[in-house]
PDB file of N, CA and C in Angstrom:
ATOM      1  N   MET A   1      41.671  96.256 158.428  1.00  0.00           N
ATOM      2  CA  MET A   1      41.979  96.339 157.015  1.00  0.00           C
ATOM      3  C   MET A   1      41.080  95.359 156.265  1.00  0.00           C
ATOM      4  N   PRO A   2      40.104  95.822 155.519  1.00  0.00           N
ATOM      5  CA  PRO A   2      39.180  94.928 154.820  1.00  0.00           C
ATOM      6  C   PRO A   2      39.860  94.108 153.717  1.00  0.00           C
ATOM      7  N   LYS A   3      39.384  92.880 153.599  1.00  0.00           N
ATOM      8  CA  LYS A   3      39.781  92.045 152.471  1.00  0.00           C
ATOM      9  C   LYS A   3      38.564  91.264 152.022  1.00  0.00           C
ATOM     10  N   ALA A   4      38.528  90.970 150.731  1.00  0.00           N
ATOM     11  CA  ALA A   4      37.434  90.200 150.141  1.00  0.00           C
ATOM     12  C   ALA A   4      37.995  88.860 149.682  1.00  0.00           C
ATOM     13  N   MET A   5      37.250  87.780 149.990  1.00  0.00           N
ATOM     14  CA  MET A   5      37.710  86.443 149.631  1.00  0.00           C
ATOM     15  C   MET A   5      36.568  85.631 149.037  1.00  0.00           C
ATOM     16  N   TRP A   6      36.947  84.793 148.081  1.00  0.00           N
ATOM     17  CA  TRP A   6      36.014  83.805 147.537  1.00  0.00           C
ATOM     18  C   TRP A   6      36.805  82.538 147.270  1.00  0.00           C
ATOM     19  N   LYS A   7      36.268  81.412 147.688  1.00  0.00           N
ATOM     20  CA  LYS A   7      36.944  80.117 147.536  1.00  0.00           C
ATOM     21  C   LYS A   7      38.335  80.153 148.189  1.00  0.00           C
ATOM     22  N   ASN A   8      38.413  80.774 149.383  1.00  0.00           N
ATOM     23  CA  ASN A   8      39.663  80.886 150.147  1.00  0.00           C
ATOM     24  C   ASN A   8      40.767  81.634 149.401  1.00  0.00           C
ATOM     25  N   THR A   9      40.395  82.478 148.458  1.00  0.00           N
ATOM     26  CA  THR A   9      41.352  83.273 147.690  1.00  0.00           C
ATOM     27  C   THR A   9      41.069  84.754 147.927  1.00  0.00           C
ATOM     28  N   VAL A  10      42.100  85.497 148.280  1.00  0.00           N
ATOM     29  CA  VAL A  10      41.945  86.942 148.477  1.00  0.00           C
ATOM     30  C   VAL A  10      41.851  87.608 147.100  1.00  0.00           C
ATOM     31  N   ILE A  11      40.742  88.305 146.878  1.00  0.00           N
ATOM     32  CA  ILE A  11      40.535  88.975 145.595  1.00  0.00           C
ATOM     33  C   ILE A  11      40.603  90.503 145.721  1.00  0.00           C
ATOM     34  N   ALA A  12      40.640  90.999 146.959  1.00  0.00           N
ATOM     35  CA  ALA A  12      40.803  92.433 147.217  1.00  0.00           C
ATOM     36  C   ALA A  12      41.295  92.606 148.652  1.00  0.00           C
ATOM     37  N   ASP A  13      42.153  93.604 148.853  1.00  0.00           N
ATOM     38  CA  ASP A  13      42.746  93.836 150.168  1.00  0.00           C
ATOM     39  C   ASP A  13      43.156  95.300 150.230  1.00  0.00           C
ATOM     40  N   THR A  14      42.712  96.021 151.266  1.00  0.00           N
ATOM     41  CA  THR A  14      42.995  97.462 151.310  1.00  0.00           C
ATOM     42  C   THR A  14      42.966  98.002 152.733  1.00  0.00           C
ATOM     43  N   GLU A  15      43.624  99.123 152.921  1.00  0.00           N
ATOM     44  CA  GLU A  15      43.501  99.891 154.159  1.00  0.00           C
ATOM     45  C   GLU A  15      42.569 101.078 153.955  1.00  0.00           C
ATOM     46  N   ARG A  16      42.356 101.454 152.697  1.00  0.00           N
ATOM     47  CA  ARG A  16      41.528 102.621 152.364  1.00  0.00           C
ATOM     48  C   ARG A  16      40.306 102.137 151.596  1.00  0.00           C
ATOM     49  N   PHE A  17      39.128 102.535 152.048  1.00  0.00           N
ATOM     50  CA  PHE A  17      37.895 102.080 151.415  1.00  0.00           C
ATOM     51  C   PHE A  17      36.785 103.068 151.703  1.00  0.00           C
ATOM     52  N   GLU A  18      35.666 102.884 151.014  1.00  0.00           N
ATOM     53  CA  GLU A  18      34.447 103.655 151.270  1.00  0.00           C
ATOM     54  C   GLU A  18      33.372 102.662 151.701  1.00  0.00           C
ATOM     55  N   GLU A  19      32.489 103.089 152.569  1.00  0.00           N
ATOM     56  CA  GLU A  19      31.373 102.236 152.965  1.00  0.00           C
ATOM     57  C   GLU A  19      30.067 102.952 152.650  1.00  0.00           C
ATOM     58  N   VAL A  20      29.205 102.266 151.911  1.00  0.00           N
ATOM     59  CA  VAL A  20      27.916 102.827 151.514  1.00  0.00           C
ATOM     60  C   VAL A  20      26.864 101.746 151.694  1.00  0.00           C
ATOM     61  N   GLU A  21      25.824 102.075 152.419  1.00  0.00           N
ATOM     62  CA  GLU A  21      24.700 101.167 152.640  1.00  0.00           C
ATOM     63  C   GLU A  21      25.159  99.791 153.137  1.00  0.00           C
ATOM     64  N   GLY A  22      26.163  99.782 154.022  1.00  0.00           N
ATOM     65  CA  GLY A  22      26.658  98.547 154.606  1.00  0.00           C
ATOM     66  C   GLY A  22      27.613  97.760 153.727  1.00  0.00           C
ATOM     67  N   ASN A  23      27.909  98.255 152.532  1.00  0.00           N
ATOM     68  CA  ASN A  23      28.836  97.577 151.624  1.00  0.00           C
ATOM     69  C   ASN A  23      30.194  98.270 151.639  1.00  0.00           C
ATOM     70  N   VAL A  24      31.260  97.477 151.699  1.00  0.00           N
ATOM     71  CA  VAL A  24      32.616  98.001 151.594  1.00  0.00           C
ATOM     72  C   VAL A  24      32.952  98.119 150.112  1.00  0.00           C
ATOM     73  N   TYR A  25      33.346  99.313 149.691  1.00  0.00           N
ATOM     74  CA  TYR A  25      33.768  99.557 148.316  1.00  0.00           C
ATOM     75  C   TYR A  25      35.291  99.679 148.299  1.00  0.00           C
ATOM     76  N   PHE A  26      35.931  98.736 147.602  1.00  0.00           N
ATOM     77  CA  PHE A  26      37.385  98.677 147.521  1.00  0.00           C
ATOM     78  C   PHE A  26      37.880  99.539 146.367  1.00  0.00           C
ATOM     79  N   PRO A  27      38.962 100.307 146.579  1.00  0.00           N
ATOM     80  CA  PRO A  27      39.501 101.099 145.472  1.00  0.00           C
ATOM     81  C   PRO A  27      40.112 100.189 144.408  1.00  0.00           C
ATOM     82  N   PRO A  28      40.150 100.643 143.162  1.00  0.00           N
ATOM     83  CA  PRO A  28      40.609  99.773 142.070  1.00  0.00           C
ATOM     84  C   PRO A  28      42.019  99.225 142.257  1.00  0.00           C
ATOM     85  N   GLU A  29      42.905  99.996 142.894  1.00  0.00           N
ATOM     86  CA  GLU A  29      44.281  99.524 143.065  1.00  0.00           C
ATOM     87  C   GLU A  29      44.391  98.369 144.067  1.00  0.00           C
ATOM     88  N   SER A  30      43.326  98.080 144.800  1.00  0.00           N
ATOM     89  CA  SER A  30      43.353  96.993 145.780  1.00  0.00           C
ATOM     90  C   SER A  30      42.783  95.682 145.234  1.00  0.00           C
ATOM     91  N   ILE A  31      42.351  95.686 143.991  1.00  0.00           N
ATOM     92  CA  ILE A  31      41.664  94.549 143.382  1.00  0.00           C
ATOM     93  C   ILE A  31      42.651  93.649 142.631  1.00  0.00           C
ATOM     94  N   GLU A  32      42.496  92.341 142.798  1.00  0.00           N
ATOM     95  CA  GLU A  32      43.280  91.357 142.033  1.00  0.00           C
ATOM     96  C   GLU A  32      42.487  91.041 140.757  1.00  0.00           C
ATOM     97  N   PHE A  33      42.670  91.877 139.731  1.00  0.00           N
ATOM     98  CA  PHE A  33      41.841  91.784 138.527  1.00  0.00           C
ATOM     99  C   PHE A  33      42.014  90.484 137.746  1.00  0.00           C
ATOM    100  N   ALA A  34      43.018  89.690 138.059  1.00  0.00           N
ATOM    101  CA  ALA A  34      43.180  88.391 137.393  1.00  0.00           C
ATOM    102  C   ALA A  34      41.986  87.475 137.661  1.00  0.00           C
ATOM    103  N   TYR A  35      41.249  87.736 138.739  1.00  0.00           N
ATOM    104  CA  TYR A  35      40.091  86.918 139.105  1.00  0.00           C
ATOM    105  C   TYR A  35      38.764  87.498 138.611  1.00  0.00           C
ATOM    106  N   PHE A  36      38.804  88.585 137.870  1.00  0.00           N
ATOM    107  CA  PHE A  36      37.595  89.293 137.453  1.00  0.00           C
ATOM    108  C   PHE A  36      37.383  89.182 135.950  1.00  0.00           C
ATOM    109  N   LYS A  37      36.125  88.986 135.570  1.00  0.00           N
ATOM    110  CA  LYS A  37      35.741  88.959 134.159  1.00  0.00           C
ATOM    111  C   LYS A  37      34.499  89.846 134.018  1.00  0.00           C
ATOM    112  N   GLU A  38      34.514  90.746 133.067  1.00  0.00           N
ATOM    113  CA  GLU A  38      33.370  91.640 132.891  1.00  0.00           C
ATOM    114  C   GLU A  38      32.105  90.851 132.611  1.00  0.00           C
ATOM    115  N   SER A  39      31.017  91.293 133.204  1.00  0.00           N
ATOM    116  CA  SER A  39      29.698  90.687 133.023  1.00  0.00           C
ATOM    117  C   SER A  39      28.845  91.639 132.194  1.00  0.00           C
ATOM    118  N   ALA A  40      27.846  91.118 131.544  1.00  0.00           N
ATOM    119  CA  ALA A  40      26.916  91.959 130.787  1.00  0.00           C
ATOM    120  C   ALA A  40      25.868  92.599 131.699  1.00  0.00           C
ATOM    121  N   LYS A  41      25.800  92.159 132.943  1.00  0.00           N
ATOM    122  CA  LYS A  41      24.763  92.637 133.867  1.00  0.00           C
ATOM    123  C   LYS A  41      24.990  94.100 134.263  1.00  0.00           C
ATOM    124  N   THR A  42      23.896  94.848 134.315  1.00  0.00           N
ATOM    125  CA  THR A  42      23.881  96.206 134.852  1.00  0.00           C
ATOM    126  C   THR A  42      22.622  96.368 135.691  1.00  0.00           C
ATOM    127  N   THR A  43      22.678  97.279 136.629  1.00  0.00           N
ATOM    128  CA  THR A  43      21.497  97.677 137.393  1.00  0.00           C
ATOM    129  C   THR A  43      21.566  99.182 137.577  1.00  0.00           C
ATOM    130  N   THR A  44      20.454  99.771 137.972  1.00  0.00           N
ATOM    131  CA  THR A  44      20.413 101.213 138.184  1.00  0.00           C
ATOM    132  C   THR A  44      19.926 101.529 139.585  1.00  0.00           C
ATOM    133  N   CYS A  45      20.648 102.391 140.250  1.00  0.00           N
ATOM    134  CA  CYS A  45      20.272 102.895 141.568  1.00  0.00           C
ATOM    135  C   CYS A  45      19.855 104.354 141.386  1.00  0.00           C
ATOM    136  N   PRO A  46      18.750 104.764 141.997  1.00  0.00           N
ATOM    137  CA  PRO A  46      18.282 106.139 141.788  1.00  0.00           C
ATOM    138  C   PRO A  46      19.269 107.220 142.216  1.00  0.00           C
ATOM    139  N   TRP A  47      20.099 106.942 143.221  1.00  0.00           N
ATOM    140  CA  TRP A  47      21.013 107.994 143.669  1.00  0.00           C
ATOM    141  C   TRP A  47      22.486 107.719 143.349  1.00  0.00           C
ATOM    142  N   LYS A  48      22.837 106.450 143.021  1.00  0.00           N
ATOM    143  CA  LYS A  48      24.237 106.140 142.687  1.00  0.00           C
ATOM    144  C   LYS A  48      24.476 106.076 141.182  1.00  0.00           C
ATOM    145  N   GLY A  49      23.486 105.669 140.414  1.00  0.00           N
ATOM    146  CA  GLY A  49      23.641 105.579 138.968  1.00  0.00           C
ATOM    147  C   GLY A  49      23.625 104.142 138.482  1.00  0.00           C
ATOM    148  N   THR A  50      24.289 103.883 137.370  1.00  0.00           N
ATOM    149  CA  THR A  50      24.295 102.559 136.746  1.00  0.00           C
ATOM    150  C   THR A  50      25.502 101.760 137.231  1.00  0.00           C
ATOM    151  N   ALA A  51      25.216 100.578 137.760  1.00  0.00           N
ATOM    152  CA  ALA A  51      26.271  99.670 138.223  1.00  0.00           C
ATOM    153  C   ALA A  51      26.610  98.694 137.109  1.00  0.00           C
ATOM    154  N   ARG A  52      27.870  98.422 136.956  1.00  0.00           N
ATOM    155  CA  ARG A  52      28.370  97.396 136.040  1.00  0.00           C
ATOM    156  C   ARG A  52      28.914  96.255 136.910  1.00  0.00           C
ATOM    157  N   TYR A  53      28.798  95.037 136.431  1.00  0.00           N
ATOM    158  CA  TYR A  53      29.144  93.866 137.236  1.00  0.00           C
ATOM    159  C   TYR A  53      30.321  93.091 136.668  1.00  0.00           C
ATOM    160  N   TYR A  54      30.950  92.328 137.561  1.00  0.00           N
ATOM    161  CA  TYR A  54      32.022  91.400 137.205  1.00  0.00           C
ATOM    162  C   TYR A  54      31.671  90.012 137.719  1.00  0.00           C
ATOM    163  N   ASP A  55      32.025  88.997 136.943  1.00  0.00           N
ATOM    164  CA  ASP A  55      32.033  87.628 137.435  1.00  0.00           C
ATOM    165  C   ASP A  55      33.364  87.443 138.162  1.00  0.00           C
ATOM    166  N   ILE A  56      33.357  86.646 139.223  1.00  0.00           N
ATOM    167  CA  ILE A  56      34.587  86.289 139.913  1.00  0.00           C
ATOM    168  C   ILE A  56      34.925  84.862 139.501  1.00  0.00           C
ATOM    169  N   VAL A  57      36.156  84.629 139.071  1.00  0.00           N
ATOM    170  CA  VAL A  57      36.586  83.313 138.598  1.00  0.00           C
ATOM    171  C   VAL A  57      37.815  82.878 139.390  1.00  0.00           C
ATOM    172  N   VAL A  58      37.673  81.786 140.156  1.00  0.00           N
ATOM    173  CA  VAL A  58      38.774  81.235 140.942  1.00  0.00           C
ATOM    174  C   VAL A  58      38.851  79.746 140.658  1.00  0.00           C
ATOM    175  N   ASP A  59      40.020  79.285 140.258  1.00  0.00           N
ATOM    176  CA  ASP A  59      40.244  77.864 139.953  1.00  0.00           C
ATOM    177  C   ASP A  59      39.190  77.310 138.998  1.00  0.00           C
ATOM    178  N   GLY A  60      38.812  78.100 138.020  1.00  0.00           N
ATOM    179  CA  GLY A  60      37.852  77.667 137.014  1.00  0.00           C
ATOM    180  C   GLY A  60      36.398  77.742 137.440  1.00  0.00           C
ATOM    181  N   GLU A  61      36.119  78.065 138.706  1.00  0.00           N
ATOM    182  CA  GLU A  61      34.739  78.206 139.185  1.00  0.00           C
ATOM    183  C   GLU A  61      34.311  79.658 139.052  1.00  0.00           C
ATOM    184  N   VAL A  62      33.096  79.870 138.561  1.00  0.00           N
ATOM    185  CA  VAL A  62      32.588  81.216 138.294  1.00  0.00           C
ATOM    186  C   VAL A  62      31.493  81.580 139.293  1.00  0.00           C
ATOM    187  N   ASN A  63      31.628  82.747 139.877  1.00  0.00           N
ATOM    188  CA  ASN A  63      30.585  83.340 140.721  1.00  0.00           C
ATOM    189  C   ASN A  63      30.031  84.506 139.899  1.00  0.00           C
ATOM    190  N   PRO A  64      28.898  84.294 139.205  1.00  0.00           N
ATOM    191  CA  PRO A  64      28.417  85.304 138.257  1.00  0.00           C
ATOM    192  C   PRO A  64      27.943  86.597 138.929  1.00  0.00           C
ATOM    193  N   ALA A  65      28.383  87.699 138.353  1.00  0.00           N
ATOM    194  CA  ALA A  65      27.957  89.042 138.784  1.00  0.00           C
ATOM    195  C   ALA A  65      28.110  89.235 140.289  1.00  0.00           C
ATOM    196  N   ALA A  66      29.216  88.760 140.850  1.00  0.00           N
ATOM    197  CA  ALA A  66      29.443  88.818 142.293  1.00  0.00           C
ATOM    198  C   ALA A  66      30.111  90.107 142.760  1.00  0.00           C
ATOM    199  N   ALA A  67      30.493  90.961 141.814  1.00  0.00           N
ATOM    200  CA  ALA A  67      31.109  92.242 142.155  1.00  0.00           C
ATOM    201  C   ALA A  67      30.506  93.322 141.275  1.00  0.00           C
ATOM    202  N   TRP A  68      30.430  94.530 141.824  1.00  0.00           N
ATOM    203  CA  TRP A  68      29.885  95.628 141.021  1.00  0.00           C
ATOM    204  C   TRP A  68      30.656  96.918 141.278  1.00  0.00           C
ATOM    205  N   THR A  69      30.529  97.824 140.325  1.00  0.00           N
ATOM    206  CA  THR A  69      31.193  99.121 140.394  1.00  0.00           C
ATOM    207  C   THR A  69      30.315 100.177 139.726  1.00  0.00           C
ATOM    208  N   TYR A  70      30.578 101.409 140.066  1.00  0.00           N
ATOM    209  CA  TYR A  70      29.902 102.547 139.431  1.00  0.00           C
ATOM    210  C   TYR A  70      30.961 103.367 138.701  1.00  0.00           C
ATOM    211  N   PRO A  71      31.203 103.086 137.410  1.00  0.00           N
ATOM    212  CA  PRO A  71      32.239 103.826 136.687  1.00  0.00           C
ATOM    213  C   PRO A  71      31.888 105.298 136.440  1.00  0.00           C
ATOM    214  N   GLU A  72      30.607 105.603 136.357  1.00  0.00           N
ATOM    215  CA  GLU A  72      30.172 106.984 136.165  1.00  0.00           C
ATOM    216  C   GLU A  72      29.016 107.277 137.120  1.00  0.00           C
ATOM    217  N   PRO A  73      29.327 107.382 138.425  1.00  0.00           N
ATOM    218  CA  PRO A  73      28.254 107.565 139.405  1.00  0.00           C
ATOM    219  C   PRO A  73      27.621 108.948 139.327  1.00  0.00           C
ATOM    220  N   LYS A  74      26.433 109.033 139.885  1.00  0.00           N
ATOM    221  CA  LYS A  74      25.781 110.337 140.026  1.00  0.00           C
ATOM    222  C   LYS A  74      26.558 111.151 141.060  1.00  0.00           C
ATOM    223  N   PRO A  75      26.379 112.465 141.092  1.00  0.00           N
ATOM    224  CA  PRO A  75      27.163 113.322 141.997  1.00  0.00           C
ATOM    225  C   PRO A  75      27.149 112.884 143.464  1.00  0.00           C
ATOM    226  N   ALA A  76      26.044 112.384 143.953  1.00  0.00           N
ATOM    227  CA  ALA A  76      25.958 111.985 145.365  1.00  0.00           C
ATOM    228  C   ALA A  76      26.851 110.794 145.697  1.00  0.00           C
ATOM    229  N   ALA A  77      27.277 110.049 144.681  1.00  0.00           N
ATOM    230  CA  ALA A  77      28.073 108.845 144.915  1.00  0.00           C
ATOM    231  C   ALA A  77      29.479 108.936 144.318  1.00  0.00           C
ATOM    232  N   VAL A  78      29.954 110.115 144.052  1.00  0.00           N
ATOM    233  CA  VAL A  78      31.250 110.281 143.386  1.00  0.00           C
ATOM    234  C   VAL A  78      32.395 109.640 144.186  1.00  0.00           C
ATOM    235  N   ALA A  79      32.279 109.514 145.489  1.00  0.00           N
ATOM    236  CA  ALA A  79      33.344 108.927 146.309  1.00  0.00           C
ATOM    237  C   ALA A  79      33.594 107.458 145.995  1.00  0.00           C
ATOM    238  N   ILE A  80      32.615 106.778 145.371  1.00  0.00           N
ATOM    239  CA  ILE A  80      32.801 105.353 145.060  1.00  0.00           C
ATOM    240  C   ILE A  80      33.067 105.103 143.575  1.00  0.00           C
ATOM    241  N   ARG A  81      33.379 106.133 142.836  1.00  0.00           N
ATOM    242  CA  ARG A  81      33.694 105.971 141.404  1.00  0.00           C
ATOM    243  C   ARG A  81      34.779 104.908 141.237  1.00  0.00           C
ATOM    244  N   ASN A  82      34.485 103.897 140.417  1.00  0.00           N
ATOM    245  CA  ASN A  82      35.404 102.806 140.080  1.00  0.00           C
ATOM    246  C   ASN A  82      35.781 101.900 141.256  1.00  0.00           C
ATOM    247  N   HIS A  83      35.234 102.133 142.437  1.00  0.00           N
ATOM    248  CA  HIS A  83      35.448 101.229 143.555  1.00  0.00           C
ATOM    249  C   HIS A  83      34.577  99.986 143.332  1.00  0.00           C
ATOM    250  N   ILE A  84      34.951  98.880 143.953  1.00  0.00           N
ATOM    251  CA  ILE A  84      34.240  97.619 143.730  1.00  0.00           C
ATOM    252  C   ILE A  84      33.734  97.058 145.046  1.00  0.00           C
ATOM    253  N   ALA A  85      32.473  96.620 145.032  1.00  0.00           N
ATOM    254  CA  ALA A  85      31.843  95.978 146.188  1.00  0.00           C
ATOM    255  C   ALA A  85      31.438  94.558 145.788  1.00  0.00           C
ATOM    256  N   PHE A  86      31.119  93.748 146.789  1.00  0.00           N
ATOM    257  CA  PHE A  86      30.885  92.323 146.565  1.00  0.00           C
ATOM    258  C   PHE A  86      29.620  91.830 147.247  1.00  0.00           C
ATOM    259  N   TRP A  87      29.130  90.680 146.741  1.00  0.00           N
ATOM    260  CA  TRP A  87      28.008  89.953 147.337  1.00  0.00           C
ATOM    261  C   TRP A  87      28.066  88.525 146.829  1.00  0.00           C
ATOM    262  N   GLN A  88      26.976  87.768 146.983  1.00  0.00           N
ATOM    263  CA  GLN A  88      26.828  86.417 146.445  1.00  0.00           C
ATOM    264  C   GLN A  88      27.937  85.477 146.899  1.00  0.00           C
ATOM    265  N   GLY A  89      28.181  85.431 148.196  1.00  0.00           N
ATOM    266  CA  GLY A  89      29.130  84.470 148.722  1.00  0.00           C
ATOM    267  C   GLY A  89      30.546  84.970 148.859  1.00  0.00           C
ATOM    268  N   VAL A  90      30.844  86.155 148.334  1.00  0.00           N
ATOM    269  CA  VAL A  90      32.169  86.729 148.557  1.00  0.00           C
ATOM    270  C   VAL A  90      32.202  87.245 150.004  1.00  0.00           C
ATOM    271  N   VAL A  91      33.159  86.793 150.764  1.00  0.00           N
ATOM    272  CA  VAL A  91      33.270  87.158 152.172  1.00  0.00           C
ATOM    273  C   VAL A  91      34.149  88.394 152.303  1.00  0.00           C
ATOM    274  N   VAL A  92      33.616  89.430 152.947  1.00  0.00           N
ATOM    275  CA  VAL A  92      34.382  90.638 153.215  1.00  0.00           C
ATOM    276  C   VAL A  92      34.665  90.675 154.716  1.00  0.00           C
ATOM    277  N   GLU A  93      35.948  90.586 155.065  1.00  0.00           N
ATOM    278  CA  GLU A  93      36.371  90.652 156.453  1.00  0.00           C
ATOM    279  C   GLU A  93      36.947  92.027 156.728  1.00  0.00           C
ATOM    280  N   ARG A  94      36.742  92.483 157.968  1.00  0.00           N
ATOM    281  CA  ARG A  94      37.310  93.791 158.358  1.00  0.00           C
ATOM    282  C   ARG A  94      38.348  93.609 159.423  1.00  0.00           C
TER     283      ARG A  94
END
């Protein structure tokens, strides 16, 4: 059962997930949104579409743009719509 942690705090935990390019994508209902703040950062993937990012905030410490999602993915990536993946020091355990 994958879980995502930053600063020893669980920020996502699920039994159901998608895996794409080695990244675990957590469904929105598994996310502890109290630790998330929308970021202005976006990136574009040729086959997934435009990613939107979140800062992770735990105990007042900010991990900028450490999570991303595809709210309107291209058809090839529809399975990860609104799912969230992590990087930049966020530990994902399986």
